[in-house]
C-alpha cells in the first residue's frame, strides 16, 4: 500500500482523485489509499457487500452492470440502493447508452 499512498498524495497535490477498479477483496486494506471504487457486475454476481469498507468510510461506490449480462432496472436498482451504490446499466462497449439506477 505504500505505492498507492504515494500515488494518492501526488494526485491530490495536482487536484485529482484516485479510484480503485474491481478489487473488492482488498477493499478493507486499500480504502485509505483511494477516494472511490468502481465495481462491475457486483449486483448480478452477488458480491456488492465487499464494497462496505468504502461505504463505511463515506466514499463513493460506483457500480456498472451490463445489459448483455442481463442487467435491467428491475434486476439492479433495488439491490444497488440497498447497498448504497450509485449504479448505471451500460453496454459492454461503454458507448453513450446507459440506464441510470433508480
Protein backbone atom coordinates (compact mmCIF):
# COMPACT_ATOMS: atom_id res chain seq x y z
CA UNK A 1 0.00 0.00 0.00
CA UNK A 2 2.91 2.50 0.27
CA UNK A 3 2.92 2.97 -3.52
CA UNK A 4 -0.85 3.60 -3.51
CA UNK A 5 -0.48 6.11 -0.67
CA UNK A 6 2.27 7.96 -2.53
CA UNK A 7 0.20 7.95 -5.71
CA UNK A 8 -2.84 9.31 -3.89
CA UNK A 9 -0.83 12.08 -2.24
CA UNK A 10 0.68 13.10 -5.57
CA UNK A 11 -2.71 13.00 -7.29
CA UNK A 12 -4.27 15.14 -4.56
CA UNK A 13 -1.45 17.67 -4.89
CA UNK A 14 -2.43 18.00 -8.53
CA UNK A 15 -6.14 18.38 -7.74
CA UNK A 16 -7.03 14.83 -8.80
CA UNK A 17 -8.79 11.98 -7.04
CA UNK A 18 -7.84 8.30 -7.20
CA UNK A 19 -10.22 5.40 -7.78
CA UNK A 20 -9.95 1.66 -7.35
CA UNK A 21 -11.43 -0.63 -10.00
CA UNK A 22 -12.71 -4.13 -9.30
CA UNK A 23 -10.61 -5.17 -6.33
CA UNK A 24 -13.24 -5.63 -3.62
CA UNK A 25 -11.35 -8.45 -1.92
CA UNK A 26 -8.73 -5.89 -0.88
CA UNK A 27 -11.16 -3.02 -0.24
CA UNK A 28 -10.64 -3.02 3.51
CA UNK A 29 -6.86 -2.75 3.17
CA UNK A 30 -6.95 -0.26 0.31
CA UNK A 31 -9.77 2.10 1.37
CA UNK A 32 -7.34 4.58 2.99
CA UNK A 33 -5.45 4.92 -0.31
CA UNK A 34 -8.38 5.50 -2.69
CA UNK A 35 -11.12 8.12 -2.90
CA UNK A 36 -13.77 5.90 -4.54
CA UNK A 37 -14.28 2.44 -6.02
CA UNK A 38 -15.75 1.33 -9.36
CA UNK A 39 -17.17 -2.17 -9.44
CA UNK A 40 -18.52 -4.09 -12.40
CA UNK A 41 -21.31 -6.67 -12.16
CA UNK A 42 -21.36 -6.82 -8.35
CA UNK A 43 -25.18 -6.85 -8.25
CA UNK A 44 -25.62 -9.62 -10.80
CA UNK A 45 -22.70 -11.62 -9.37
CA UNK A 46 -23.71 -11.03 -5.74
CA UNK A 47 -20.54 -9.52 -4.27
CA UNK A 48 -21.63 -5.92 -3.53
CA UNK A 49 -21.26 -6.44 0.25
CA UNK A 50 -17.48 -6.50 -0.30
CA UNK A 51 -17.63 -2.76 -1.04
CA UNK A 52 -18.73 -2.00 2.51
CA UNK A 53 -15.35 -0.58 3.66
CA UNK A 54 -15.73 2.22 1.11
CA UNK A 55 -19.33 2.90 2.10
CA UNK A 56 -18.41 2.87 5.81
CA UNK A 57 -15.67 5.42 5.06
CA UNK A 58 -18.20 7.65 3.28
CA UNK A 59 -16.52 7.13 -0.07
CA UNK A 60 -18.49 6.71 -3.32
CA UNK A 61 -19.12 3.25 -4.72
CA UNK A 62 -19.89 3.36 -8.44
CA UNK A 63 -21.46 0.23 -9.89
CA UNK A 64 -21.62 -0.69 -13.56
CA UNK A 65 -23.89 -3.53 -14.56
CA UNK A 66 -24.04 -4.74 -18.15
CA UNK A 67 -27.18 -5.14 -20.24
CA UNK A 68 -25.61 -8.07 -22.13
CA UNK A 69 -25.31 -9.97 -18.84
CA UNK A 70 -29.00 -9.46 -18.06
CA UNK A 71 -28.94 -6.20 -16.11
CA UNK A 72 -32.22 -4.32 -16.15
CA UNK A 73 -33.56 -1.68 -13.77
CA UNK A 74 -35.66 -4.45 -12.20
CA UNK A 75 -32.65 -6.69 -11.55
CA UNK A 76 -30.23 -3.97 -10.44
CA UNK A 77 -31.76 -0.85 -8.91
CA UNK A 78 -33.23 -2.21 -5.67
CA UNK A 79 -30.02 -4.03 -4.73
CA UNK A 80 -27.90 -1.02 -5.68
CA UNK A 81 -29.99 1.20 -3.41
CA UNK A 82 -29.84 -1.34 -0.59
CA UNK A 83 -26.04 -1.32 -0.75
CA UNK A 84 -25.75 2.46 -1.17
CA UNK A 85 -24.30 2.22 -4.67
CA UNK A 86 -24.53 4.70 -7.49
CA UNK A 87 -25.47 2.33 -10.33
CA UNK A 88 -25.56 2.55 -14.11
CA UNK A 89 -26.54 -0.10 -16.62
CA UNK A 90 -24.32 0.05 -19.69
CA UNK A 91 -23.44 -1.95 -22.76
CA UNK A 92 -20.06 -3.68 -22.64
CA UNK A 93 -18.65 -1.43 -25.36
CA UNK A 94 -19.17 1.51 -22.95
CA UNK A 95 -20.72 3.79 -25.53
CA UNK A 96 -23.03 6.67 -24.57
CA UNK A 97 -26.08 4.42 -23.99
CA UNK A 98 -27.00 3.87 -20.35
CA UNK A 99 -29.84 3.38 -17.92
CA UNK A 100 -29.45 5.01 -14.54
CA UNK A 101 -30.10 3.02 -11.39
CA UNK A 102 -33.29 4.46 -9.95
